[in-house]
């Protein structure tokens, strides 16, 4: 996050910071972020004749089978961005927070 704090945690249900509405790990699993999908895989693949196939359950956000990163919310109560949607961010330059601490290096893809 722009404040330099981790956006997503896997809190145990007994942890004081646990919030049921932000419990993504049990529903989605732990992403390991080893690659970034292409625009084709993320969006275009699910289109039929140029229109998004709204009946394809494999890509349905309504049924919970698909989740866009932007739908996740920061579940770290120590962050000033707690409860706010995560936004993808490509660093075209080194990015520093207000304390002049390096948050993201040039060329990295992160979430804010």
PDB file of N, CA and C in Angstrom:
ATOM      1  N   UNK A   1       0.851  -1.178   0.000  1.00  0.00           N
ATOM      2  CA  UNK A   1       0.000   0.000   0.000  1.00  0.00           C
ATOM      3  C   UNK A   1       0.896   1.240   0.000  1.00  0.00           C
ATOM      4  N   UNK A   2       0.375   2.390  -0.418  1.00  0.00           N
ATOM      5  CA  UNK A   2       1.206   3.594  -0.464  1.00  0.00           C
ATOM      6  C   UNK A   2       1.811   3.981   0.881  1.00  0.00           C
ATOM      7  N   UNK A   3       1.217   3.523   1.982  1.00  0.00           N
ATOM      8  CA  UNK A   3       1.794   3.844   3.294  1.00  0.00           C
ATOM      9  C   UNK A   3       2.912   2.880   3.667  1.00  0.00           C
ATOM     10  N   UNK A   4       3.266   1.950   2.739  1.00  0.00           N
ATOM     11  CA  UNK A   4       4.361   1.024   2.978  1.00  0.00           C
ATOM     12  C   UNK A   4       3.965  -0.217   3.759  1.00  0.00           C
ATOM     13  N   UNK A   5       2.703  -0.369   4.057  1.00  0.00           N
ATOM     14  CA  UNK A   5       2.242  -1.518   4.841  1.00  0.00           C
ATOM     15  C   UNK A   5       1.657  -2.589   3.926  1.00  0.00           C
ATOM     16  N   UNK A   6       1.767  -3.830   4.357  1.00  0.00           N
ATOM     17  CA  UNK A   6       1.223  -4.953   3.599  1.00  0.00           C
ATOM     18  C   UNK A   6      -0.290  -4.817   3.510  1.00  0.00           C
ATOM     19  N   UNK A   7      -0.844  -5.148   2.346  1.00  0.00           N
ATOM     20  CA  UNK A   7      -2.287  -4.963   2.106  1.00  0.00           C
ATOM     21  C   UNK A   7      -3.124  -6.120   2.617  1.00  0.00           C
ATOM     22  N   UNK A   8      -2.666  -7.342   2.404  1.00  0.00           N
ATOM     23  CA  UNK A   8      -3.477  -8.508   2.734  1.00  0.00           C
ATOM     24  C   UNK A   8      -2.754  -9.428   3.716  1.00  0.00           C
ATOM     25  N   UNK A   9      -3.458  -9.825   4.750  1.00  0.00           N
ATOM     26  CA  UNK A   9      -2.939 -10.761   5.741  1.00  0.00           C
ATOM     27  C   UNK A   9      -3.878 -11.939   5.863  1.00  0.00           C
ATOM     28  N   UNK A  10      -3.348 -13.047   6.334  1.00  0.00           N
ATOM     29  CA  UNK A  10      -4.149 -14.230   6.621  1.00  0.00           C
ATOM     30  C   UNK A  10      -4.233 -14.364   8.143  1.00  0.00           C
ATOM     31  N   UNK A  11      -5.135 -13.620   8.756  1.00  0.00           N
ATOM     32  CA  UNK A  11      -5.299 -13.653  10.203  1.00  0.00           C
ATOM     33  C   UNK A  11      -6.080 -14.898  10.610  1.00  0.00           C
ATOM     34  N   UNK A  12      -5.715 -15.485  11.748  1.00  0.00           N
ATOM     35  CA  UNK A  12      -6.527 -16.577  12.282  1.00  0.00           C
ATOM     36  C   UNK A  12      -7.824 -15.990  12.809  1.00  0.00           C
ATOM     37  N   UNK A  13      -8.827 -16.816  12.923  1.00  0.00           N
ATOM     38  CA  UNK A  13     -10.132 -16.319  13.374  1.00  0.00           C
ATOM     39  C   UNK A  13     -10.099 -15.824  14.816  1.00  0.00           C
ATOM     40  N   UNK A  14      -9.105 -16.248  15.582  1.00  0.00           N
ATOM     41  CA  UNK A  14      -9.001 -15.821  16.981  1.00  0.00           C
ATOM     42  C   UNK A  14      -8.174 -14.553  17.148  1.00  0.00           C
ATOM     43  N   UNK A  15      -7.529 -14.114  16.081  1.00  0.00           N
ATOM     44  CA  UNK A  15      -6.708 -12.899  16.133  1.00  0.00           C
ATOM     45  C   UNK A  15      -7.613 -11.680  16.269  1.00  0.00           C
ATOM     46  N   UNK A  16      -7.221 -10.727  17.079  1.00  0.00           N
ATOM     47  CA  UNK A  16      -8.012  -9.512  17.283  1.00  0.00           C
ATOM     48  C   UNK A  16      -8.167  -8.670  16.026  1.00  0.00           C
ATOM     49  N   UNK A  17      -7.269  -8.868  15.048  1.00  0.00           N
ATOM     50  CA  UNK A  17      -7.337  -8.100  13.803  1.00  0.00           C
ATOM     51  C   UNK A  17      -8.193  -8.789  12.739  1.00  0.00           C
ATOM     52  N   UNK A  18      -8.653  -9.989  13.026  1.00  0.00           N
ATOM     53  CA  UNK A  18      -9.462 -10.741  12.063  1.00  0.00           C
ATOM     54  C   UNK A  18     -10.807 -10.051  11.837  1.00  0.00           C
ATOM     55  N   UNK A  19     -11.190  -9.937  10.564  1.00  0.00           N
ATOM     56  CA  UNK A  19     -12.494  -9.401  10.185  1.00  0.00           C
ATOM     57  C   UNK A  19     -13.102 -10.356   9.170  1.00  0.00           C
ATOM     58  N   UNK A  20     -14.254 -10.883   9.466  1.00  0.00           N
ATOM     59  CA  UNK A  20     -14.896 -11.868   8.600  1.00  0.00           C
ATOM     60  C   UNK A  20     -15.084 -11.340   7.177  1.00  0.00           C
ATOM     61  N   UNK A  21     -15.461 -10.084   7.035  1.00  0.00           N
ATOM     62  CA  UNK A  21     -15.740  -9.529   5.702  1.00  0.00           C
ATOM     63  C   UNK A  21     -14.481  -9.386   4.845  1.00  0.00           C
ATOM     64  N   UNK A  22     -13.289  -9.501   5.454  1.00  0.00           N
ATOM     65  CA  UNK A  22     -12.033  -9.398   4.708  1.00  0.00           C
ATOM     66  C   UNK A  22     -11.251 -10.708   4.742  1.00  0.00           C
ATOM     67  N   UNK A  23     -11.908 -11.827   4.967  1.00  0.00           N
ATOM     68  CA  UNK A  23     -11.245 -13.128   5.046  1.00  0.00           C
ATOM     69  C   UNK A  23     -11.157 -13.737   3.653  1.00  0.00           C
ATOM     70  N   UNK A  24     -10.184 -13.264   2.867  1.00  0.00           N
ATOM     71  CA  UNK A  24     -10.034 -13.715   1.491  1.00  0.00           C
ATOM     72  C   UNK A  24      -9.299 -15.050   1.386  1.00  0.00           C
ATOM     73  N   UNK A  25      -8.404 -15.325   2.296  1.00  0.00           N
ATOM     74  CA  UNK A  25      -7.561 -16.517   2.177  1.00  0.00           C
ATOM     75  C   UNK A  25      -8.373 -17.805   2.195  1.00  0.00           C
ATOM     76  N   UNK A  26      -9.379 -17.889   3.026  1.00  0.00           N
ATOM     77  CA  UNK A  26     -10.176 -19.114   3.082  1.00  0.00           C
ATOM     78  C   UNK A  26     -11.015 -19.296   1.818  1.00  0.00           C
ATOM     79  N   UNK A  27     -11.468 -18.220   1.252  1.00  0.00           N
ATOM     80  CA  UNK A  27     -12.296 -18.315   0.053  1.00  0.00           C
ATOM     81  C   UNK A  27     -11.504 -18.401  -1.232  1.00  0.00           C
ATOM     82  N   UNK A  28     -10.381 -17.709  -1.298  1.00  0.00           N
ATOM     83  CA  UNK A  28      -9.627 -17.628  -2.548  1.00  0.00           C
ATOM     84  C   UNK A  28      -8.330 -18.406  -2.531  1.00  0.00           C
ATOM     85  N   UNK A  29      -7.833 -18.737  -1.363  1.00  0.00           N
ATOM     86  CA  UNK A  29      -6.531 -19.385  -1.272  1.00  0.00           C
ATOM     87  C   UNK A  29      -5.426 -18.345  -1.221  1.00  0.00           C
ATOM     88  N   UNK A  30      -4.219 -18.819  -1.095  1.00  0.00           N
ATOM     89  CA  UNK A  30      -3.063 -17.937  -0.980  1.00  0.00           C
ATOM     90  C   UNK A  30      -2.408 -17.798  -2.343  1.00  0.00           C
ATOM     91  N   UNK A  31      -2.542 -16.656  -2.954  1.00  0.00           N
ATOM     92  CA  UNK A  31      -1.889 -16.417  -4.238  1.00  0.00           C
ATOM     93  C   UNK A  31      -0.394 -16.270  -4.045  1.00  0.00           C
ATOM     94  N   UNK A  32       0.387 -16.828  -4.971  1.00  0.00           N
ATOM     95  CA  UNK A  32       1.835 -16.758  -4.825  1.00  0.00           C
ATOM     96  C   UNK A  32       2.472 -15.771  -5.793  1.00  0.00           C
ATOM     97  N   UNK A  33       1.687 -15.192  -6.674  1.00  0.00           N
ATOM     98  CA  UNK A  33       2.125 -14.090  -7.524  1.00  0.00           C
ATOM     99  C   UNK A  33       3.409 -14.384  -8.282  1.00  0.00           C
ATOM    100  N   UNK A  34       3.464 -15.510  -8.966  1.00  0.00           N
ATOM    101  CA  UNK A  34       4.672 -15.838  -9.723  1.00  0.00           C
ATOM    102  C   UNK A  34       4.606 -15.336 -11.157  1.00  0.00           C
ATOM    103  N   UNK A  35       3.443 -14.944 -11.606  1.00  0.00           N
ATOM    104  CA  UNK A  35       3.331 -14.403 -12.954  1.00  0.00           C
ATOM    105  C   UNK A  35       2.148 -13.451 -13.025  1.00  0.00           C
ATOM    106  N   UNK A  36       2.167 -12.641 -14.050  1.00  0.00           N
ATOM    107  CA  UNK A  36       1.079 -11.706 -14.286  1.00  0.00           C
ATOM    108  C   UNK A  36       0.333 -12.160 -15.532  1.00  0.00           C
ATOM    109  N   UNK A  37      -0.975 -12.241 -15.443  1.00  0.00           N
ATOM    110  CA  UNK A  37      -1.749 -12.689 -16.596  1.00  0.00           C
ATOM    111  C   UNK A  37      -1.745 -11.625 -17.692  1.00  0.00           C
ATOM    112  N   UNK A  38      -2.017 -12.076 -18.903  1.00  0.00           N
ATOM    113  CA  UNK A  38      -2.123 -11.153 -20.027  1.00  0.00           C
ATOM    114  C   UNK A  38      -3.543 -10.581 -20.066  1.00  0.00           C
ATOM    115  N   UNK A  39      -3.711  -9.520 -20.813  1.00  0.00           N
ATOM    116  CA  UNK A  39      -5.044  -8.943 -20.997  1.00  0.00           C
ATOM    117  C   UNK A  39      -5.955  -9.963 -21.665  1.00  0.00           C
ATOM    118  N   UNK A  40      -5.393 -10.757 -22.571  1.00  0.00           N
ATOM    119  CA  UNK A  40      -6.204 -11.777 -23.243  1.00  0.00           C
ATOM    120  C   UNK A  40      -6.779 -12.750 -22.221  1.00  0.00           C
ATOM    121  N   UNK A  41      -5.948 -13.289 -21.345  1.00  0.00           N
ATOM    122  CA  UNK A  41      -6.423 -14.268 -20.365  1.00  0.00           C
ATOM    123  C   UNK A  41      -7.381 -13.631 -19.355  1.00  0.00           C
ATOM    124  N   UNK A  42      -7.060 -12.428 -18.921  1.00  0.00           N
ATOM    125  CA  UNK A  42      -7.858 -11.761 -17.897  1.00  0.00           C
ATOM    126  C   UNK A  42      -9.230 -11.325 -18.411  1.00  0.00           C
ATOM    127  N   UNK A  43      -9.300 -10.897 -19.672  1.00  0.00           N
ATOM    128  CA  UNK A  43     -10.547 -10.319 -20.178  1.00  0.00           C
ATOM    129  C   UNK A  43     -11.018 -10.924 -21.503  1.00  0.00           C
ATOM    130  N   UNK A  44     -10.186 -10.845 -22.535  1.00  0.00           N
ATOM    131  CA  UNK A  44     -10.613 -11.191 -23.889  1.00  0.00           C
ATOM    132  C   UNK A  44     -11.012 -12.655 -24.051  1.00  0.00           C
ATOM    133  N   UNK A  45     -10.377 -13.560 -23.356  1.00  0.00           N
ATOM    134  CA  UNK A  45     -10.669 -14.992 -23.474  1.00  0.00           C
ATOM    135  C   UNK A  45     -12.130 -15.310 -23.185  1.00  0.00           C
ATOM    136  N   UNK A  46     -12.746 -14.513 -22.346  1.00  0.00           N
ATOM    137  CA  UNK A  46     -14.106 -14.795 -21.898  1.00  0.00           C
ATOM    138  C   UNK A  46     -15.161 -14.161 -22.795  1.00  0.00           C
ATOM    139  N   UNK A  47     -14.733 -13.547 -23.874  1.00  0.00           N
ATOM    140  CA  UNK A  47     -15.666 -12.909 -24.803  1.00  0.00           C
ATOM    141  C   UNK A  47     -16.034 -13.870 -25.931  1.00  0.00           C
ATOM    142  N   UNK A  48     -17.280 -13.810 -26.352  1.00  0.00           N
ATOM    143  CA  UNK A  48     -17.770 -14.588 -27.489  1.00  0.00           C
ATOM    144  C   UNK A  48     -18.271 -13.579 -28.516  1.00  0.00           C
ATOM    145  N   UNK A  49     -17.720 -13.640 -29.724  1.00  0.00           N
ATOM    146  CA  UNK A  49     -18.070 -12.694 -30.790  1.00  0.00           C
ATOM    147  C   UNK A  49     -17.910 -11.247 -30.324  1.00  0.00           C
ATOM    148  N   UNK A  50     -16.857 -10.996 -29.548  1.00  0.00           N
ATOM    149  CA  UNK A  50     -16.548  -9.644 -29.105  1.00  0.00           C
ATOM    150  C   UNK A  50     -17.334  -9.146 -27.902  1.00  0.00           C
ATOM    151  N   UNK A  51     -18.240  -9.975 -27.360  1.00  0.00           N
ATOM    152  CA  UNK A  51     -19.030  -9.577 -26.187  1.00  0.00           C
ATOM    153  C   UNK A  51     -18.718 -10.515 -25.031  1.00  0.00           C
ATOM    154  N   UNK A  52     -18.632  -9.957 -23.820  1.00  0.00           N
ATOM    155  CA  UNK A  52     -18.368 -10.764 -22.643  1.00  0.00           C
ATOM    156  C   UNK A  52     -19.493 -11.769 -22.436  1.00  0.00           C
ATOM    157  N   UNK A  53     -19.133 -13.034 -22.260  1.00  0.00           N
ATOM    158  CA  UNK A  53     -20.126 -14.089 -22.050  1.00  0.00           C
ATOM    159  C   UNK A  53     -20.556 -14.062 -20.581  1.00  0.00           C
ATOM    160  N   UNK A  54     -21.673 -13.437 -20.303  1.00  0.00           N
ATOM    161  CA  UNK A  54     -22.160 -13.277 -18.934  1.00  0.00           C
ATOM    162  C   UNK A  54     -22.671 -14.581 -18.330  1.00  0.00           C
ATOM    163  N   UNK A  55     -22.892 -15.601 -19.162  1.00  0.00           N
ATOM    164  CA  UNK A  55     -23.415 -16.876 -18.653  1.00  0.00           C
ATOM    165  C   UNK A  55     -22.313 -17.881 -18.339  1.00  0.00           C
ATOM    166  N   UNK A  56     -21.060 -17.560 -18.661  1.00  0.00           N
ATOM    167  CA  UNK A  56     -19.939 -18.473 -18.412  1.00  0.00           C
ATOM    168  C   UNK A  56     -19.573 -18.426 -16.931  1.00  0.00           C
ATOM    169  N   UNK A  57     -19.905 -19.485 -16.213  1.00  0.00           N
ATOM    170  CA  UNK A  57     -19.691 -19.503 -14.763  1.00  0.00           C
ATOM    171  C   UNK A  57     -18.218 -19.530 -14.376  1.00  0.00           C
ATOM    172  N   UNK A  58     -17.323 -19.909 -15.294  1.00  0.00           N
ATOM    173  CA  UNK A  58     -15.891 -19.937 -14.976  1.00  0.00           C
ATOM    174  C   UNK A  58     -15.342 -18.534 -14.749  1.00  0.00           C
ATOM    175  N   UNK A  59     -16.008 -17.541 -15.254  1.00  0.00           N
ATOM    176  CA  UNK A  59     -15.531 -16.157 -15.157  1.00  0.00           C
ATOM    177  C   UNK A  59     -16.571 -15.271 -14.478  1.00  0.00           C
ATOM    178  N   UNK A  60     -17.382 -15.885 -13.645  1.00  0.00           N
ATOM    179  CA  UNK A  60     -18.486 -15.164 -13.017  1.00  0.00           C
ATOM    180  C   UNK A  60     -18.089 -14.629 -11.640  1.00  0.00           C
ATOM    181  N   UNK A  61     -18.141 -13.325 -11.492  1.00  0.00           N
ATOM    182  CA  UNK A  61     -17.879 -12.742 -10.179  1.00  0.00           C
ATOM    183  C   UNK A  61     -19.102 -12.877  -9.274  1.00  0.00           C
ATOM    184  N   UNK A  62     -20.285 -12.974  -9.871  1.00  0.00           N
ATOM    185  CA  UNK A  62     -21.505 -13.110  -9.070  1.00  0.00           C
ATOM    186  C   UNK A  62     -21.569 -14.437  -8.323  1.00  0.00           C
ATOM    187  N   UNK A  63     -21.080 -15.511  -8.949  1.00  0.00           N
ATOM    188  CA  UNK A  63     -21.109 -16.827  -8.302  1.00  0.00           C
ATOM    189  C   UNK A  63     -19.879 -17.054  -7.430  1.00  0.00           C
ATOM    190  N   UNK A  64     -18.905 -16.151  -7.502  1.00  0.00           N
ATOM    191  CA  UNK A  64     -17.699 -16.296  -6.700  1.00  0.00           C
ATOM    192  C   UNK A  64     -16.614 -17.121  -7.357  1.00  0.00           C
ATOM    193  N   UNK A  65     -16.784 -17.447  -8.627  1.00  0.00           N
ATOM    194  CA  UNK A  65     -15.777 -18.245  -9.325  1.00  0.00           C
ATOM    195  C   UNK A  65     -14.620 -17.409  -9.855  1.00  0.00           C
ATOM    196  N   UNK A  66     -14.765 -16.118  -9.851  1.00  0.00           N
ATOM    197  CA  UNK A  66     -13.732 -15.229 -10.402  1.00  0.00           C
ATOM    198  C   UNK A  66     -13.668 -13.981  -9.543  1.00  0.00           C
ATOM    199  N   UNK A  67     -12.473 -13.484  -9.341  1.00  0.00           N
ATOM    200  CA  UNK A  67     -12.299 -12.278  -8.524  1.00  0.00           C
ATOM    201  C   UNK A  67     -11.284 -11.377  -9.202  1.00  0.00           C
ATOM    202  N   UNK A  68     -11.645 -10.152  -9.421  1.00  0.00           N
ATOM    203  CA  UNK A  68     -10.690  -9.166  -9.919  1.00  0.00           C
ATOM    204  C   UNK A  68      -9.916  -8.605  -8.736  1.00  0.00           C
ATOM    205  N   UNK A  69      -8.639  -8.376  -8.945  1.00  0.00           N
ATOM    206  CA  UNK A  69      -7.802  -7.864  -7.867  1.00  0.00           C
ATOM    207  C   UNK A  69      -8.387  -6.572  -7.279  1.00  0.00           C
ATOM    208  N   UNK A  70      -8.975  -5.761  -8.119  1.00  0.00           N
ATOM    209  CA  UNK A  70      -9.535  -4.486  -7.664  1.00  0.00           C
ATOM    210  C   UNK A  70     -10.729  -4.665  -6.732  1.00  0.00           C
ATOM    211  N   UNK A  71     -11.297  -5.881  -6.670  1.00  0.00           N
ATOM    212  CA  UNK A  71     -12.430  -6.148  -5.772  1.00  0.00           C
ATOM    213  C   UNK A  71     -11.977  -6.442  -4.352  1.00  0.00           C
ATOM    214  N   UNK A  72     -10.701  -6.786  -4.182  1.00  0.00           N
ATOM    215  CA  UNK A  72     -10.174  -7.052  -2.838  1.00  0.00           C
ATOM    216  C   UNK A  72     -10.006  -5.743  -2.084  1.00  0.00           C
ATOM    217  N   UNK A  73     -10.133  -5.802  -0.786  1.00  0.00           N
ATOM    218  CA  UNK A  73      -9.940  -4.618   0.054  1.00  0.00           C
ATOM    219  C   UNK A  73      -8.804  -4.878   1.022  1.00  0.00           C
ATOM    220  N   UNK A  74      -8.074  -3.841   1.343  1.00  0.00           N
ATOM    221  CA  UNK A  74      -6.978  -3.945   2.300  1.00  0.00           C
ATOM    222  C   UNK A  74      -7.542  -4.438   3.630  1.00  0.00           C
ATOM    223  N   UNK A  75      -7.013  -5.566   4.140  1.00  0.00           N
ATOM    224  CA  UNK A  75      -7.525  -6.096   5.406  1.00  0.00           C
ATOM    225  C   UNK A  75      -6.545  -5.898   6.560  1.00  0.00           C
ATOM    226  N   UNK A  76      -5.605  -4.989   6.390  1.00  0.00           N
ATOM    227  CA  UNK A  76      -4.624  -4.674   7.428  1.00  0.00           C
ATOM    228  C   UNK A  76      -5.116  -3.461   8.223  1.00  0.00           C
ATOM    229  N   UNK A  77      -5.630  -3.672   9.446  1.00  0.00           N
ATOM    230  CA  UNK A  77      -6.157  -2.541  10.210  1.00  0.00           C
ATOM    231  C   UNK A  77      -5.090  -1.524  10.615  1.00  0.00           C
ATOM    232  N   UNK A  78      -3.810  -1.888  10.485  1.00  0.00           N
ATOM    233  CA  UNK A  78      -2.733  -0.947  10.807  1.00  0.00           C
ATOM    234  C   UNK A  78      -2.428  -0.001   9.650  1.00  0.00           C
ATOM    235  N   UNK A  79      -3.037  -0.235   8.499  1.00  0.00           N
ATOM    236  CA  UNK A  79      -2.814   0.611   7.335  1.00  0.00           C
ATOM    237  C   UNK A  79      -3.876   1.704   7.285  1.00  0.00           C
ATOM    238  N   UNK A  80      -3.473   2.875   6.841  1.00  0.00           N
ATOM    239  CA  UNK A  80      -4.449   3.957   6.685  1.00  0.00           C
ATOM    240  C   UNK A  80      -5.413   3.666   5.539  1.00  0.00           C
ATOM    241  N   UNK A  81      -5.120   2.633   4.743  1.00  0.00           N
ATOM    242  CA  UNK A  81      -5.962   2.258   3.610  1.00  0.00           C
ATOM    243  C   UNK A  81      -6.858   1.066   3.939  1.00  0.00           C
ATOM    244  N   UNK A  82      -6.982   0.727   5.214  1.00  0.00           N
ATOM    245  CA  UNK A  82      -7.819  -0.391   5.656  1.00  0.00           C
ATOM    246  C   UNK A  82      -9.240  -0.238   5.115  1.00  0.00           C
ATOM    247  N   UNK A  83      -9.742  -1.317   4.499  1.00  0.00           N
ATOM    248  CA  UNK A  83     -11.101  -1.312   3.970  1.00  0.00           C
ATOM    249  C   UNK A  83     -11.241  -0.715   2.587  1.00  0.00           C
ATOM    250  N   UNK A  84     -10.162  -0.143   2.058  1.00  0.00           N
ATOM    251  CA  UNK A  84     -10.224   0.440   0.714  1.00  0.00           C
ATOM    252  C   UNK A  84      -9.832  -0.599  -0.331  1.00  0.00           C
ATOM    253  N   UNK A  85     -10.373  -0.452  -1.528  1.00  0.00           N
ATOM    254  CA  UNK A  85     -10.056  -1.372  -2.616  1.00  0.00           C
ATOM    255  C   UNK A  85      -8.589  -1.284  -2.998  1.00  0.00           C
ATOM    256  N   UNK A  86      -8.038  -2.438  -3.350  1.00  0.00           N
ATOM    257  CA  UNK A  86      -6.663  -2.512  -3.823  1.00  0.00           C
ATOM    258  C   UNK A  86      -6.650  -2.110  -5.291  1.00  0.00           C
ATOM    259  N   UNK A  87      -5.617  -1.375  -5.688  1.00  0.00           N
ATOM    260  CA  UNK A  87      -5.505  -0.925  -7.071  1.00  0.00           C
ATOM    261  C   UNK A  87      -4.169  -1.392  -7.633  1.00  0.00           C
ATOM    262  N   UNK A  88      -4.168  -1.955  -8.857  1.00  0.00           N
ATOM    263  CA  UNK A  88      -2.889  -2.336  -9.460  1.00  0.00           C
ATOM    264  C   UNK A  88      -2.074  -1.092  -9.787  1.00  0.00           C
ATOM    265  N   UNK A  89      -0.763  -1.217  -9.683  1.00  0.00           N
ATOM    266  CA  UNK A  89       0.124  -0.073  -9.891  1.00  0.00           C
ATOM    267  C   UNK A  89       1.407  -0.570 -10.537  1.00  0.00           C
ATOM    268  N   UNK A  90       1.772  -0.004 -11.680  1.00  0.00           N
ATOM    269  CA  UNK A  90       3.048  -0.296 -12.323  1.00  0.00           C
ATOM    270  C   UNK A  90       3.952   0.902 -12.082  1.00  0.00           C
ATOM    271  N   UNK A  91       5.085   0.656 -11.450  1.00  0.00           N
ATOM    272  CA  UNK A  91       5.999   1.740 -11.104  1.00  0.00           C
ATOM    273  C   UNK A  91       6.873   2.105 -12.297  1.00  0.00           C
ATOM    274  N   UNK A  92       6.662   3.280 -12.837  1.00  0.00           N
ATOM    275  CA  UNK A  92       7.501   3.752 -13.928  1.00  0.00           C
ATOM    276  C   UNK A  92       8.778   4.384 -13.389  1.00  0.00           C
ATOM    277  N   UNK A  93       8.799   4.707 -12.126  1.00  0.00           N
ATOM    278  CA  UNK A  93       9.972   5.220 -11.424  1.00  0.00           C
ATOM    279  C   UNK A  93       9.978   4.610 -10.030  1.00  0.00           C
ATOM    280  N   UNK A  94      11.078   4.774  -9.288  1.00  0.00           N
ATOM    281  CA  UNK A  94      11.073   4.376  -7.887  1.00  0.00           C
ATOM    282  C   UNK A  94       9.994   5.185  -7.179  1.00  0.00           C
ATOM    283  N   UNK A  95       9.249   4.535  -6.297  1.00  0.00           N
ATOM    284  CA  UNK A  95       8.131   5.193  -5.614  1.00  0.00           C
ATOM    285  C   UNK A  95       8.428   5.250  -4.126  1.00  0.00           C
ATOM    286  N   UNK A  96       8.345   6.458  -3.562  1.00  0.00           N
ATOM    287  CA  UNK A  96       8.630   6.681  -2.140  1.00  0.00           C
ATOM    288  C   UNK A  96       7.370   7.175  -1.441  1.00  0.00           C
ATOM    289  N   UNK A  97       7.227   6.791  -0.176  1.00  0.00           N
ATOM    290  CA  UNK A  97       6.094   7.305   0.606  1.00  0.00           C
ATOM    291  C   UNK A  97       6.438   8.680   1.167  1.00  0.00           C
ATOM    292  N   UNK A  98       5.528   9.224   1.968  1.00  0.00           N
ATOM    293  CA  UNK A  98       5.727  10.580   2.499  1.00  0.00           C
ATOM    294  C   UNK A  98       6.908  10.681   3.455  1.00  0.00           C
ATOM    295  N   UNK A  99       7.404   9.553   3.958  1.00  0.00           N
ATOM    296  CA  UNK A  99       8.588   9.540   4.843  1.00  0.00           C
ATOM    297  C   UNK A  99       9.870   9.332   4.054  1.00  0.00           C
ATOM    298  N   UNK A 100       9.763   9.395   2.721  1.00  0.00           N
ATOM    299  CA  UNK A 100      10.887   9.208   1.812  1.00  0.00           C
ATOM    300  C   UNK A 100      11.468   7.794   1.895  1.00  0.00           C
ATOM    301  N   UNK A 101      10.618   6.808   2.213  1.00  0.00           N
ATOM    302  CA  UNK A 101      11.028   5.410   2.256  1.00  0.00           C
ATOM    303  C   UNK A 101      10.635   4.748   0.931  1.00  0.00           C
ATOM    304  N   UNK A 102      11.556   3.976   0.356  1.00  0.00           N
ATOM    305  CA  UNK A 102      11.274   3.297  -0.901  1.00  0.00           C
ATOM    306  C   UNK A 102      10.172   2.267  -0.695  1.00  0.00           C
ATOM    307  N   UNK A 103       9.106   2.385  -1.474  1.00  0.00           N
ATOM    308  CA  UNK A 103       7.978   1.461  -1.377  1.00  0.00           C
ATOM    309  C   UNK A 103       8.000   0.472  -2.537  1.00  0.00           C
ATOM    310  N   UNK A 104       8.249   0.960  -3.751  1.00  0.00           N
ATOM    311  CA  UNK A 104       8.266   0.124  -4.943  1.00  0.00           C
ATOM    312  C   UNK A 104       9.373   0.585  -5.881  1.00  0.00           C
ATOM    313  N   UNK A 105      10.128  -0.372  -6.386  1.00  0.00           N
ATOM    314  CA  UNK A 105      11.193  -0.054  -7.340  1.00  0.00           C
ATOM    315  C   UNK A 105      10.639   0.082  -8.757  1.00  0.00           C
ATOM    316  N   UNK A 106      11.333   0.884  -9.541  1.00  0.00           N
ATOM    317  CA  UNK A 106      10.977   1.087 -10.944  1.00  0.00           C
ATOM    318  C   UNK A 106      10.858  -0.265 -11.651  1.00  0.00           C
ATOM    319  N   UNK A 107       9.785  -0.415 -12.448  1.00  0.00           N
ATOM    320  CA  UNK A 107       9.579  -1.625 -13.224  1.00  0.00           C
ATOM    321  C   UNK A 107       8.797  -2.709 -12.509  1.00  0.00           C
ATOM    322  N   UNK A 108       8.473  -2.524 -11.244  1.00  0.00           N
ATOM    323  CA  UNK A 108       7.725  -3.543 -10.501  1.00  0.00           C
ATOM    324  C   UNK A 108       6.230  -3.302 -10.642  1.00  0.00           C
ATOM    325  N   UNK A 109       5.488  -4.376 -10.554  1.00  0.00           N
ATOM    326  CA  UNK A 109       4.034  -4.308 -10.543  1.00  0.00           C
ATOM    327  C   UNK A 109       3.589  -4.624  -9.132  1.00  0.00           C
ATOM    328  N   UNK A 110       2.916  -3.698  -8.499  1.00  0.00           N
ATOM    329  CA  UNK A 110       2.451  -3.866  -7.137  1.00  0.00           C
ATOM    330  C   UNK A 110       0.988  -3.511  -7.051  1.00  0.00           C
ATOM    331  N   UNK A 111       0.450  -3.613  -5.852  1.00  0.00           N
ATOM    332  CA  UNK A 111      -0.931  -3.206  -5.609  1.00  0.00           C
ATOM    333  C   UNK A 111      -0.946  -2.115  -4.571  1.00  0.00           C
ATOM    334  N   UNK A 112      -1.840  -1.163  -4.773  1.00  0.00           N
ATOM    335  CA  UNK A 112      -2.039  -0.066  -3.819  1.00  0.00           C
ATOM    336  C   UNK A 112      -3.506   0.097  -3.573  1.00  0.00           C
TER     337      UNK A 112
END
